[in-house]
Amino acid sequence: MEPQIGQAVADGVATVVIDHPAKRNAMTADMWRALPPLLGALAADPAVRALVLTGAGDTFCAGADISSLRAGPGRAQELAVLAEEALAAFPKPTLAAVRGHCVGGGAQLAAACDLRFADEGASFAVTPAKLGIVYPASATRRLAALVGPATAKYLLFSGEPIDARRALRTGLVDEVLPAGELAGRVAEFTRVLASRSLLTQAAAKEFAAGRTDRDGHWAEQARGSGDAAEGVAAFLERRQPRFTWTLPAVPDGAATPAGPR
């Protein structure tokens, strides 16, 4: 099978699959290129309310396909950064479901997601020091913001792997699941995400990322959304709310609402 980025949508959740099992789901140049437009289409799909990124089989992603680095790492790194930024800018909740190896560019993609759930057998490594590559500034800053400067330096300076339990302690992952329970927990949790107010989630995602120029936008969206009235009514009536707010349409070529400032 050719290396590919697969995708499926069910029950409000998009699942994006890194699929290159012959090389432990290493990302080829074409796979890096495929990710931003795929994410753009899913962001624009009103049926999608959350996204899961995972790897085919028993591993998440072994990083960049080393064969793509032979002509020099610059272009491959540029493609990886574009994919990373597209994932970080995705305006709906994103969750990386990690089994097995999450290495290099795989760790870069996982860190760009909002949340990370891992199988207890997962391992994480950030390996540019093994190749003499300068890790991208955006990825370095995102990693340091996630795990703190000390752990970021440990990972970047050494390139050594850490196990899922240590990743949980440092904040690199949010939950660690016993063997065989990851898929069920991810399905359960993403059903929760898909049932909640996307208005709340999209605004919180921007605010948590430090965006400061859209307070008025979100106040206007809240006034016109009807989500608060529905949430209060559902609580008083003891039923599940039916939130209807969706992301405003974005013109072709424009940044997504959570995108560049």
C-alpha atoms as a PDB file:
ATOM      1  CA  MET A   1       0.000   0.000   0.000  1.00  0.00           C
ATOM      2  CA  GLU A   2       1.235   3.490  -0.839  1.00  0.00           C
ATOM      3  CA  PRO A   3       1.979   5.785   2.116  1.00  0.00           C
ATOM      4  CA  GLN A   4      -1.055   7.944   2.750  1.00  0.00           C
ATOM      5  CA  ILE A   5      -3.002  10.089   5.167  1.00  0.00           C
ATOM      6  CA  GLY A   6      -6.388   8.430   5.599  1.00  0.00           C
ATOM      7  CA  GLN A   7      -9.496  10.010   7.005  1.00  0.00           C
ATOM      8  CA  ALA A   8     -13.029   9.093   8.023  1.00  0.00           C
ATOM      9  CA  VAL A   9     -15.878  10.968   9.700  1.00  0.00           C
ATOM     10  CA  ALA A  10     -18.424   9.343  12.003  1.00  0.00           C
ATOM     11  CA  ASP A  11     -20.707  10.741  14.712  1.00  0.00           C
ATOM     12  CA  GLY A  12     -19.166  14.206  14.567  1.00  0.00           C
ATOM     13  CA  VAL A  13     -15.573  12.982  14.897  1.00  0.00           C
ATOM     14  CA  ALA A  14     -12.991  12.996  12.104  1.00  0.00           C
ATOM     15  CA  THR A  15     -10.266  10.380  12.394  1.00  0.00           C
ATOM     16  CA  VAL A  16      -7.059  11.141  10.494  1.00  0.00           C
ATOM     17  CA  VAL A  17      -4.696   8.178  10.126  1.00  0.00           C
ATOM     18  CA  ILE A  18      -0.961   8.290   9.377  1.00  0.00           C
ATOM     19  CA  ASP A  19      -0.611   5.160   7.249  1.00  0.00           C
ATOM     20  CA  HIS A  20       2.872   4.016   6.232  1.00  0.00           C
ATOM     21  CA  PRO A  21       3.315   0.730   8.109  1.00  0.00           C
ATOM     22  CA  ALA A  22       6.368  -0.380   6.116  1.00  0.00           C
ATOM     23  CA  LYS A  23       8.329   2.412   7.853  1.00  0.00           C
ATOM     24  CA  ARG A  24       6.479   2.639  11.188  1.00  0.00           C
ATOM     25  CA  ASN A  25       4.234   5.372   9.770  1.00  0.00           C
ATOM     26  CA  ALA A  26       7.121   7.695   8.914  1.00  0.00           C
ATOM     27  CA  MET A  27       5.939  10.780   7.047  1.00  0.00           C
ATOM     28  CA  THR A  28       6.962  11.151   3.408  1.00  0.00           C
ATOM     29  CA  ALA A  29       7.053  14.532   1.671  1.00  0.00           C
ATOM     30  CA  ASP A  30       3.742  13.747  -0.037  1.00  0.00           C
ATOM     31  CA  MET A  31       2.152  12.874   3.299  1.00  0.00           C
ATOM     32  CA  TRP A  32       3.315  16.175   4.824  1.00  0.00           C
ATOM     33  CA  ARG A  33       1.869  17.993   1.800  1.00  0.00           C
ATOM     34  CA  ALA A  34      -1.453  16.162   2.051  1.00  0.00           C
ATOM     35  CA  LEU A  35      -2.171  17.088   5.650  1.00  0.00           C
ATOM     36  CA  PRO A  36      -2.912  20.858   5.451  1.00  0.00           C
ATOM     37  CA  PRO A  37      -5.565  20.655   2.687  1.00  0.00           C
ATOM     38  CA  LEU A  38      -7.165  17.644   4.352  1.00  0.00           C
ATOM     39  CA  LEU A  39      -7.379  19.564   7.640  1.00  0.00           C
ATOM     40  CA  GLY A  40      -8.786  22.582   5.819  1.00  0.00           C
ATOM     41  CA  ALA A  41     -11.589  20.489   4.348  1.00  0.00           C
ATOM     42  CA  LEU A  42     -12.404  18.924   7.725  1.00  0.00           C
ATOM     43  CA  ALA A  43     -12.373  22.326   9.440  1.00  0.00           C
ATOM     44  CA  ALA A  44     -14.947  23.566   6.930  1.00  0.00           C
ATOM     45  CA  ASP A  45     -17.184  20.491   7.328  1.00  0.00           C
ATOM     46  CA  PRO A  46     -20.028  21.324   9.756  1.00  0.00           C
ATOM     47  CA  ALA A  47     -20.455  17.600  10.460  1.00  0.00           C
ATOM     48  CA  VAL A  48     -17.005  17.538  12.096  1.00  0.00           C
ATOM     49  CA  ARG A  49     -16.914  18.699  15.711  1.00  0.00           C
ATOM     50  CA  ALA A  50     -13.649  17.084  16.859  1.00  0.00           C
ATOM     51  CA  LEU A  51     -10.635  15.404  15.287  1.00  0.00           C
ATOM     52  CA  VAL A  52      -8.485  12.423  16.262  1.00  0.00           C
ATOM     53  CA  LEU A  53      -4.989  11.974  14.824  1.00  0.00           C
ATOM     54  CA  THR A  54      -3.530   8.483  15.078  1.00  0.00           C
ATOM     55  CA  GLY A  55      -1.292   6.006  13.316  1.00  0.00           C
ATOM     56  CA  ALA A  56      -2.173   2.825  11.483  1.00  0.00           C
ATOM     57  CA  GLY A  57      -1.500  -0.390  13.366  1.00  0.00           C
ATOM     58  CA  ASP A  58       0.537  -0.451  16.533  1.00  0.00           C
ATOM     59  CA  THR A  59       2.579   2.730  16.168  1.00  0.00           C
ATOM     60  CA  PHE A  60       1.818   6.442  15.919  1.00  0.00           C
ATOM     61  CA  CYS A  61       4.575   7.922  13.753  1.00  0.00           C
ATOM     62  CA  ALA A  62       8.323   7.352  13.549  1.00  0.00           C
ATOM     63  CA  GLY A  63       8.933  10.894  12.277  1.00  0.00           C
ATOM     64  CA  ALA A  64      10.017  11.969   8.838  1.00  0.00           C
ATOM     65  CA  ASP A  65      10.948   9.297   6.301  1.00  0.00           C
ATOM     66  CA  ILE A  66      14.746   9.640   6.343  1.00  0.00           C
ATOM     67  CA  SER A  67      14.893   9.120   2.580  1.00  0.00           C
ATOM     68  CA  SER A  68      13.173  12.494   2.234  1.00  0.00           C
ATOM     69  CA  LEU A  69      16.130  14.156   4.004  1.00  0.00           C
ATOM     70  CA  ARG A  70      18.842  13.004   1.597  1.00  0.00           C
ATOM     71  CA  ALA A  71      18.680  16.167  -0.496  1.00  0.00           C
ATOM     72  CA  GLY A  72      18.933  18.243   2.682  1.00  0.00           C
ATOM     73  CA  PRO A  73      16.524  18.659   5.579  1.00  0.00           C
ATOM     74  CA  GLY A  74      15.388  22.186   4.759  1.00  0.00           C
ATOM     75  CA  ARG A  75      12.488  21.413   2.424  1.00  0.00           C
ATOM     76  CA  ALA A  76      11.299  18.436   4.476  1.00  0.00           C
ATOM     77  CA  GLN A  77      11.352  20.577   7.608  1.00  0.00           C
ATOM     78  CA  GLU A  78       9.408  23.326   5.866  1.00  0.00           C
ATOM     79  CA  LEU A  79       6.710  20.824   4.888  1.00  0.00           C
ATOM     80  CA  ALA A  80       6.604  19.466   8.442  1.00  0.00           C
ATOM     81  CA  VAL A  81       6.174  22.954   9.891  1.00  0.00           C
ATOM     82  CA  LEU A  82       3.333  23.738   7.474  1.00  0.00           C
ATOM     83  CA  ALA A  83       1.578  20.540   8.539  1.00  0.00           C
ATOM     84  CA  GLU A  84       2.238  21.221  12.227  1.00  0.00           C
ATOM     85  CA  GLU A  85       0.878  24.759  11.987  1.00  0.00           C
ATOM     86  CA  ALA A  86      -2.209  23.606  10.078  1.00  0.00           C
ATOM     87  CA  LEU A  87      -2.915  21.111  12.848  1.00  0.00           C
ATOM     88  CA  ALA A  88      -2.326  23.660  15.610  1.00  0.00           C
ATOM     89  CA  ALA A  89      -4.640  26.105  13.800  1.00  0.00           C
ATOM     90  CA  PHE A  90      -7.457  23.571  13.392  1.00  0.00           C
ATOM     91  CA  PRO A  91     -10.357  25.440  15.009  1.00  0.00           C
ATOM     92  CA  LYS A  92     -12.037  22.440  16.644  1.00  0.00           C
ATOM     93  CA  PRO A  93     -10.727  20.156  19.423  1.00  0.00           C
ATOM     94  CA  THR A  94      -7.950  17.801  18.340  1.00  0.00           C
ATOM     95  CA  LEU A  95      -6.667  14.709  20.111  1.00  0.00           C
ATOM     96  CA  ALA A  96      -3.625  12.551  19.302  1.00  0.00           C
ATOM     97  CA  ALA A  97      -4.193   8.860  20.089  1.00  0.00           C
ATOM     98  CA  VAL A  98      -0.696   7.429  20.506  1.00  0.00           C
ATOM     99  CA  ARG A  99       0.389   3.803  20.392  1.00  0.00           C
ATOM    100  CA  GLY A 100       3.952   2.631  20.065  1.00  0.00           C
ATOM    101  CA  HIS A 101       6.577   5.050  18.785  1.00  0.00           C
ATOM    102  CA  CYS A 102       5.891   8.794  18.651  1.00  0.00           C
ATOM    103  CA  VAL A 103       9.204  10.132  17.391  1.00  0.00           C
ATOM    104  CA  GLY A 104      10.598  13.269  15.741  1.00  0.00           C
ATOM    105  CA  GLY A 105       7.999  14.633  13.350  1.00  0.00           C
ATOM    106  CA  GLY A 106       5.432  12.357  14.987  1.00  0.00           C
ATOM    107  CA  ALA A 107       6.054  14.053  18.318  1.00  0.00           C
ATOM    108  CA  GLN A 108       5.856  17.384  16.489  1.00  0.00           C
ATOM    109  CA  LEU A 109       2.371  16.509  15.229  1.00  0.00           C
ATOM    110  CA  ALA A 110       1.218  15.127  18.575  1.00  0.00           C
ATOM    111  CA  ALA A 111       2.341  18.297  20.355  1.00  0.00           C
ATOM    112  CA  ALA A 112       0.364  20.384  17.853  1.00  0.00           C
ATOM    113  CA  CYS A 113      -2.849  18.661  18.956  1.00  0.00           C
ATOM    114  CA  ASP A 114      -4.869  20.032  21.852  1.00  0.00           C
ATOM    115  CA  LEU A 115      -4.772  16.762  23.803  1.00  0.00           C
ATOM    116  CA  ARG A 116      -2.782  13.533  23.759  1.00  0.00           C
ATOM    117  CA  PHE A 117      -3.971  10.136  25.042  1.00  0.00           C
ATOM    118  CA  ALA A 118      -1.435   7.306  25.017  1.00  0.00           C
ATOM    119  CA  ASP A 119      -1.319   3.556  25.368  1.00  0.00           C
ATOM    120  CA  GLU A 120       0.838   2.512  28.331  1.00  0.00           C
ATOM    121  CA  GLY A 121       3.373   1.017  25.914  1.00  0.00           C
ATOM    122  CA  ALA A 122       3.883   4.246  23.971  1.00  0.00           C
ATOM    123  CA  SER A 123       7.228   6.025  23.873  1.00  0.00           C
ATOM    124  CA  PHE A 124       8.122   9.572  22.873  1.00  0.00           C
ATOM    125  CA  ALA A 125      11.341  11.039  21.496  1.00  0.00           C
ATOM    126  CA  VAL A 126      12.393  14.298  19.831  1.00  0.00           C
ATOM    127  CA  THR A 127      15.434  13.340  17.796  1.00  0.00           C
ATOM    128  CA  PRO A 128      16.962  16.227  15.756  1.00  0.00           C
ATOM    129  CA  ALA A 129      20.182  16.092  17.812  1.00  0.00           C
ATOM    130  CA  LYS A 130      20.780  12.580  16.441  1.00  0.00           C
ATOM    131  CA  LEU A 131      20.747  13.982  12.898  1.00  0.00           C
ATOM    132  CA  GLY A 132      22.367  17.373  13.386  1.00  0.00           C
ATOM    133  CA  ILE A 133      19.131  19.170  12.529  1.00  0.00           C
ATOM    134  CA  VAL A 134      17.923  22.401  14.150  1.00  0.00           C
ATOM    135  CA  TYR A 135      14.423  21.680  15.417  1.00  0.00           C
ATOM    136  CA  PRO A 136      11.944  24.258  14.052  1.00  0.00           C
ATOM    137  CA  ALA A 137      11.436  27.327  16.231  1.00  0.00           C
ATOM    138  CA  SER A 138       7.653  26.891  16.248  1.00  0.00           C
ATOM    139  CA  ALA A 139       7.913  23.259  17.325  1.00  0.00           C
ATOM    140  CA  THR A 140      10.518  24.073  20.005  1.00  0.00           C
ATOM    141  CA  ARG A 141       8.377  26.832  21.494  1.00  0.00           C
ATOM    142  CA  ARG A 142       5.279  24.641  21.419  1.00  0.00           C
ATOM    143  CA  LEU A 143       7.112  21.780  23.125  1.00  0.00           C
ATOM    144  CA  ALA A 144       8.550  24.072  25.818  1.00  0.00           C
ATOM    145  CA  ALA A 145       5.111  25.592  26.468  1.00  0.00           C
ATOM    146  CA  LEU A 146       3.677  22.101  26.831  1.00  0.00           C
ATOM    147  CA  VAL A 147       6.240  20.387  29.063  1.00  0.00           C
ATOM    148  CA  GLY A 148       8.342  23.268  30.415  1.00  0.00           C
ATOM    149  CA  PRO A 149      11.874  24.320  29.454  1.00  0.00           C
ATOM    150  CA  ALA A 150      13.683  21.645  31.480  1.00  0.00           C
ATOM    151  CA  THR A 151      11.886  18.671  29.946  1.00  0.00           C
ATOM    152  CA  ALA A 152      12.010  20.258  26.488  1.00  0.00           C
ATOM    153  CA  LYS A 153      15.789  20.563  26.834  1.00  0.00           C
ATOM    154  CA  TYR A 154      16.091  16.973  28.044  1.00  0.00           C
ATOM    155  CA  LEU A 155      14.207  15.730  24.998  1.00  0.00           C
ATOM    156  CA  LEU A 156      15.911  18.018  22.480  1.00  0.00           C
ATOM    157  CA  PHE A 157      19.466  17.789  23.835  1.00  0.00           C
ATOM    158  CA  SER A 158      19.512  13.993  24.189  1.00  0.00           C
ATOM    159  CA  GLY A 159      17.075  12.627  21.635  1.00  0.00           C
ATOM    160  CA  GLU A 160      16.443   9.856  24.171  1.00  0.00           C
ATOM    161  CA  PRO A 161      12.949   8.342  24.470  1.00  0.00           C
ATOM    162  CA  ILE A 162      10.691   8.631  27.476  1.00  0.00           C
ATOM    163  CA  ASP A 163       7.911   6.216  28.321  1.00  0.00           C
ATOM    164  CA  ALA A 164       4.227   7.031  28.589  1.00  0.00           C
ATOM    165  CA  ARG A 165       4.264   7.380  32.383  1.00  0.00           C
ATOM    166  CA  ARG A 166       7.037   9.947  32.292  1.00  0.00           C
ATOM    167  CA  ALA A 167       5.262  11.714  29.446  1.00  0.00           C
ATOM    168  CA  LEU A 168       2.176  11.906  31.671  1.00  0.00           C
ATOM    169  CA  ARG A 169       4.157  13.347  34.584  1.00  0.00           C
ATOM    170  CA  THR A 170       5.715  16.048  32.406  1.00  0.00           C
ATOM    171  CA  GLY A 171       2.446  17.075  30.738  1.00  0.00           C
ATOM    172  CA  LEU A 172       3.344  15.716  27.321  1.00  0.00           C
ATOM    173  CA  VAL A 173       0.279  13.464  27.479  1.00  0.00           C
ATOM    174  CA  ASP A 174      -3.033  13.923  29.269  1.00  0.00           C
ATOM    175  CA  GLU A 175      -4.056  10.302  29.885  1.00  0.00           C
ATOM    176  CA  VAL A 176      -2.304   6.935  29.781  1.00  0.00           C
ATOM    177  CA  LEU A 177      -4.473   3.882  29.199  1.00  0.00           C
ATOM    178  CA  PRO A 178      -3.842   0.202  29.889  1.00  0.00           C
ATOM    179  CA  ALA A 179      -3.093  -2.008  26.895  1.00  0.00           C
ATOM    180  CA  GLY A 180      -6.155  -2.477  24.720  1.00  0.00           C
ATOM    181  CA  GLU A 181      -8.149   0.390  26.230  1.00  0.00           C
ATOM    182  CA  LEU A 182      -6.946   3.379  24.220  1.00  0.00           C
ATOM    183  CA  ALA A 183      -9.428   3.110  21.345  1.00  0.00           C
ATOM    184  CA  GLY A 184     -12.400   2.775  23.656  1.00  0.00           C
ATOM    185  CA  ARG A 185     -11.366   5.705  25.813  1.00  0.00           C
ATOM    186  CA  VAL A 186     -10.699   7.927  22.785  1.00  0.00           C
ATOM    187  CA  ALA A 187     -14.113   7.039  21.338  1.00  0.00           C
ATOM    188  CA  GLU A 188     -15.798   7.757  24.671  1.00  0.00           C
ATOM    189  CA  PHE A 189     -14.030  11.076  25.196  1.00  0.00           C
ATOM    190  CA  THR A 190     -14.515  12.350  21.643  1.00  0.00           C
ATOM    191  CA  ARG A 191     -18.230  11.627  21.938  1.00  0.00           C
ATOM    192  CA  VAL A 192     -18.171  13.984  24.918  1.00  0.00           C
ATOM    193  CA  LEU A 193     -16.268  16.618  22.928  1.00  0.00           C
ATOM    194  CA  ALA A 194     -18.692  16.349  20.005  1.00  0.00           C
ATOM    195  CA  SER A 195     -21.664  16.848  22.355  1.00  0.00           C
ATOM    196  CA  ARG A 196     -20.347  20.075  23.891  1.00  0.00           C
ATOM    197  CA  SER A 197     -20.619  23.639  22.613  1.00  0.00           C
ATOM    198  CA  LEU A 198     -18.231  24.201  19.727  1.00  0.00           C
ATOM    199  CA  LEU A 199     -18.584  27.923  20.430  1.00  0.00           C
ATOM    200  CA  THR A 200     -17.099  27.430  23.901  1.00  0.00           C
ATOM    201  CA  GLN A 201     -14.381  25.151  22.568  1.00  0.00           C
ATOM    202  CA  ALA A 202     -13.329  27.337  19.634  1.00  0.00           C
ATOM    203  CA  ALA A 203     -13.148  30.492  21.752  1.00  0.00           C
ATOM    204  CA  ALA A 204     -11.293  28.713  24.564  1.00  0.00           C
ATOM    205  CA  LYS A 205      -8.815  27.284  22.065  1.00  0.00           C
ATOM    206  CA  GLU A 206      -7.904  30.763  20.820  1.00  0.00           C
ATOM    207  CA  PHE A 207      -7.733  32.296  24.280  1.00  0.00           C
ATOM    208  CA  ALA A 208      -5.567  29.446  25.617  1.00  0.00           C
ATOM    209  CA  ALA A 209      -3.200  29.927  22.674  1.00  0.00           C
ATOM    210  CA  GLY A 210      -2.722  33.538  23.760  1.00  0.00           C
ATOM    211  CA  ARG A 211      -4.700  35.256  21.036  1.00  0.00           C
ATOM    212  CA  THR A 212      -5.740  38.720  22.201  1.00  0.00           C
ATOM    213  CA  ASP A 213      -7.318  40.378  19.162  1.00  0.00           C
ATOM    214  CA  ARG A 214     -10.628  38.504  18.938  1.00  0.00           C
ATOM    215  CA  ASP A 215     -12.420  39.190  22.221  1.00  0.00           C
ATOM    216  CA  GLY A 216     -15.020  41.271  20.432  1.00  0.00           C
ATOM    217  CA  HIS A 217     -15.499  38.620  17.764  1.00  0.00           C
ATOM    218  CA  TRP A 218     -16.277  35.949  20.335  1.00  0.00           C
ATOM    219  CA  ALA A 219     -18.576  38.233  22.305  1.00  0.00           C
ATOM    220  CA  GLU A 220     -20.535  38.855  19.103  1.00  0.00           C
ATOM    221  CA  GLN A 221     -20.634  35.127  18.303  1.00  0.00           C
ATOM    222  CA  ALA A 222     -21.902  34.363  21.802  1.00  0.00           C
ATOM    223  CA  ARG A 223     -24.693  36.943  21.551  1.00  0.00           C
ATOM    224  CA  GLY A 224     -25.985  35.488  18.304  1.00  0.00           C
ATOM    225  CA  SER A 225     -25.353  31.804  18.839  1.00  0.00           C
ATOM    226  CA  GLY A 226     -28.232  30.623  21.007  1.00  0.00           C
ATOM    227  CA  ASP A 227     -25.907  28.087  22.650  1.00  0.00           C
ATOM    228  CA  ALA A 228     -26.137  29.654  26.124  1.00  0.00           C
ATOM    229  CA  ALA A 229     -29.938  29.696  26.034  1.00  0.00           C
ATOM    230  CA  GLU A 230     -29.985  26.087  24.867  1.00  0.00           C
ATOM    231  CA  GLY A 231     -27.503  25.038  27.550  1.00  0.00           C
ATOM    232  CA  VAL A 232     -29.539  26.632  30.339  1.00  0.00           C
ATOM    233  CA  ALA A 233     -32.819  25.233  28.992  1.00  0.00           C
ATOM    234  CA  ALA A 234     -31.344  21.728  28.717  1.00  0.00           C
ATOM    235  CA  PHE A 235     -30.029  21.913  32.279  1.00  0.00           C
ATOM    236  CA  LEU A 236     -33.411  23.014  33.667  1.00  0.00           C
ATOM    237  CA  GLU A 237     -35.243  20.382  31.607  1.00  0.00           C
ATOM    238  CA  ARG A 238     -32.762  17.666  32.570  1.00  0.00           C
ATOM    239  CA  ARG A 239     -31.902  16.710  29.011  1.00  0.00           C
ATOM    240  CA  GLN A 240     -28.853  16.738  26.799  1.00  0.00           C
ATOM    241  CA  PRO A 241     -28.298  20.105  25.084  1.00  0.00           C
ATOM    242  CA  ARG A 242     -28.415  20.379  21.305  1.00  0.00           C
ATOM    243  CA  PHE A 243     -25.848  23.034  20.505  1.00  0.00           C
ATOM    244  CA  THR A 244     -26.117  24.410  16.980  1.00  0.00           C
ATOM    245  CA  TRP A 245     -23.362  27.022  16.629  1.00  0.00           C
ATOM    246  CA  THR A 246     -20.884  26.236  13.877  1.00  0.00           C
ATOM    247  CA  LEU A 247     -17.795  28.016  12.627  1.00  0.00           C
ATOM    248  CA  PRO A 248     -18.446  30.920  10.261  1.00  0.00           C
ATOM    249  CA  ALA A 249     -17.445  30.214   6.691  1.00  0.00           C
ATOM    250  CA  VAL A 250     -13.879  31.229   5.874  1.00  0.00           C
ATOM    251  CA  PRO A 251     -13.124  32.561   2.370  1.00  0.00           C
ATOM    252  CA  ASP A 252     -10.738  30.464   0.281  1.00  0.00           C
ATOM    253  CA  GLY A 253      -7.150  31.344   1.084  1.00  0.00           C
ATOM    254  CA  ALA A 254      -7.973  33.008   4.401  1.00  0.00           C
ATOM    255  CA  ALA A 255      -6.710  31.790   7.748  1.00  0.00           C
ATOM    256  CA  THR A 256      -9.013  29.634   9.825  1.00  0.00           C
ATOM    257  CA  PRO A 257     -10.414  31.377  12.932  1.00  0.00           C
ATOM    258  CA  ALA A 258      -7.727  29.814  15.121  1.00  0.00           C
ATOM    259  CA  GLY A 259      -5.040  30.480  12.567  1.00  0.00           C
ATOM    260  CA  PRO A 260      -2.324  33.108  12.157  1.00  0.00           C
ATOM    261  CA  ARG A 261      -2.847  36.412  13.933  1.00  0.00           C
END
